[in-house]
C-alpha atoms as a PDB file:
ATOM      1  CA  MET A   1       0.265   8.561  -2.577  1.00  0.00           C
ATOM      2  CA  GLN A   2       2.809  10.898  -2.103  1.00  0.00           C
ATOM      3  CA  CYS A   3       0.651  11.945   1.333  1.00  0.00           C
ATOM      4  CA  ASN A   4       0.571   8.319   2.614  1.00  0.00           C
ATOM      5  CA  VAL A   5       4.511   7.498   1.857  1.00  0.00           C
ATOM      6  CA  MET A   6       5.420  10.326   4.226  1.00  0.00           C
ATOM      7  CA  TYR A   7       2.757   9.289   6.967  1.00  0.00           C
ATOM      8  CA  VAL A   8       4.316   5.885   6.821  1.00  0.00           C
ATOM      9  CA  TYR A   9       7.804   7.402   6.848  1.00  0.00           C
ATOM     10  CA  ARG A  10       6.920   9.283  10.018  1.00  0.00           C
ATOM     11  CA  LEU A  11       4.810   6.267  12.126  1.00  0.00           C
ATOM     12  CA  LEU A  12       8.592   4.027  11.607  1.00  0.00           C
ATOM     13  CA  GLU A  13      10.365   7.062  12.613  1.00  0.00           C
ATOM     14  CA  GLU A  14       8.600   7.672  15.673  1.00  0.00           C
ATOM     15  CA  ARG A  15       8.402   3.992  16.704  1.00  0.00           C
ATOM     16  CA  VAL A  16      11.879   3.307  15.631  1.00  0.00           C
ATOM     17  CA  ASN A  17      12.802   5.924  17.934  1.00  0.00           C
ATOM     18  CA  ARG A  18      10.894   3.845  20.888  1.00  0.00           C
ATOM     19  CA  LEU A  19      12.385   1.246  20.470  1.00  0.00           C
ATOM     20  CA  LYS A  20      15.482   3.139  20.638  1.00  0.00           C
ATOM     21  CA  THR A  21      14.671   4.529  24.280  1.00  0.00           C
ATOM     22  CA  MET A  22      13.403   1.031  25.852  1.00  0.00           C
ATOM     23  CA  LEU A  23      16.545  -0.788  24.332  1.00  0.00           C
ATOM     24  CA  ALA A  24      18.555   2.115  26.119  1.00  0.00           C
ATOM     25  CA  VAL A  25      17.412   1.516  29.211  1.00  0.00           C
ATOM     26  CA  LEU A  26      17.915  -2.455  29.132  1.00  0.00           C
ATOM     27  CA  GLN A  27      21.525  -1.915  27.724  1.00  0.00           C
ATOM     28  CA  HIS A  28      22.058   0.818  31.205  1.00  0.00           C
ATOM     29  CA  GLY A  29      20.600  -2.701  32.977  1.00  0.00           C
ATOM     30  CA  GLN A  30      17.576  -1.256  34.318  1.00  0.00           C
ATOM     31  CA  ILE A  31      14.353  -3.503  33.971  1.00  0.00           C
ATOM     32  CA  LEU A  32      11.391  -2.332  32.276  1.00  0.00           C
ATOM     33  CA  SER A  33       7.949  -3.310  34.392  1.00  0.00           C
ATOM     34  CA  SER A  34       5.589  -5.401  32.858  1.00  0.00           C
ATOM     35  CA  SER A  35       3.901  -2.207  31.313  1.00  0.00           C
ATOM     36  CA  ASP A  36       6.933  -1.434  29.922  1.00  0.00           C
ATOM     37  CA  GLN A  37       7.209  -5.116  28.801  1.00  0.00           C
ATOM     38  CA  ARG A  38       3.022  -4.397  26.858  1.00  0.00           C
ATOM     39  CA  MET A  39       4.824  -1.145  24.830  1.00  0.00           C
ATOM     40  CA  LEU A  40       7.674  -3.114  23.688  1.00  0.00           C
ATOM     41  CA  ASP A  41       5.545  -5.881  22.570  1.00  0.00           C
ATOM     42  CA  ALA A  42       3.489  -3.479  21.034  1.00  0.00           C
ATOM     43  CA  VAL A  43       6.674  -1.584  18.883  1.00  0.00           C
ATOM     44  CA  ASN A  44       7.972  -4.367  18.086  1.00  0.00           C
ATOM     45  CA  GLU A  45       4.411  -5.389  16.653  1.00  0.00           C
ATOM     46  CA  ASP A  46       3.463  -2.166  15.144  1.00  0.00           C
ATOM     47  CA  LEU A  47       6.814  -1.850  13.769  1.00  0.00           C
ATOM     48  CA  HIS A  48       6.272  -5.399  11.462  1.00  0.00           C
ATOM     49  CA  TRP A  49       3.440  -4.053  10.232  1.00  0.00           C
ATOM     50  CA  LEU A  50       4.621  -0.679   9.435  1.00  0.00           C
ATOM     51  CA  LEU A  51       7.029  -2.800   7.115  1.00  0.00           C
ATOM     52  CA  LEU A  52       4.887  -4.967   6.436  1.00  0.00           C
ATOM     53  CA  ILE A  53       2.475  -1.975   4.082  1.00  0.00           C
ATOM     54  CA  SER A  54       6.296   0.359   3.939  1.00  0.00           C
ATOM     55  CA  GLY A  55       6.893  -2.956   0.892  1.00  0.00           C
ATOM     56  CA  LEU A  56       4.428  -3.193   0.383  1.00  0.00           C
ATOM     57  CA  THR A  57       3.841   0.343  -0.855  1.00  0.00           C
ATOM     58  CA  SER A  58       7.046  -0.314  -2.556  1.00  0.00           C
ATOM     59  CA  VAL A  59       6.500  -2.973  -4.301  1.00  0.00           C
ATOM     60  CA  TYR A  60       2.949  -0.759  -5.629  1.00  0.00           C
ATOM     61  CA  HIS A  61       4.878   2.150  -6.607  1.00  0.00           C
ATOM     62  CA  ALA A  62       7.866   0.513  -8.760  1.00  0.00           C
ATOM     63  CA  LEU A  63       4.809  -1.305 -10.450  1.00  0.00           C
ATOM     64  CA  SER A  64       2.962   1.884 -11.386  1.00  0.00           C
END
């Protein structure tokens, strides 16, 4: 179980770093290309699922 938690944590950390990078580009007034927009959508989708998985993992861990 501990290995799964660390894996999910690393995935979350990596996706958040990608999101930070993309938001920094937007903050500097640069326009995202269509491929960057698709990547941003993919990062948001990944974060959505990873947050759901980490929440379920936390609940299951608390109940066991």
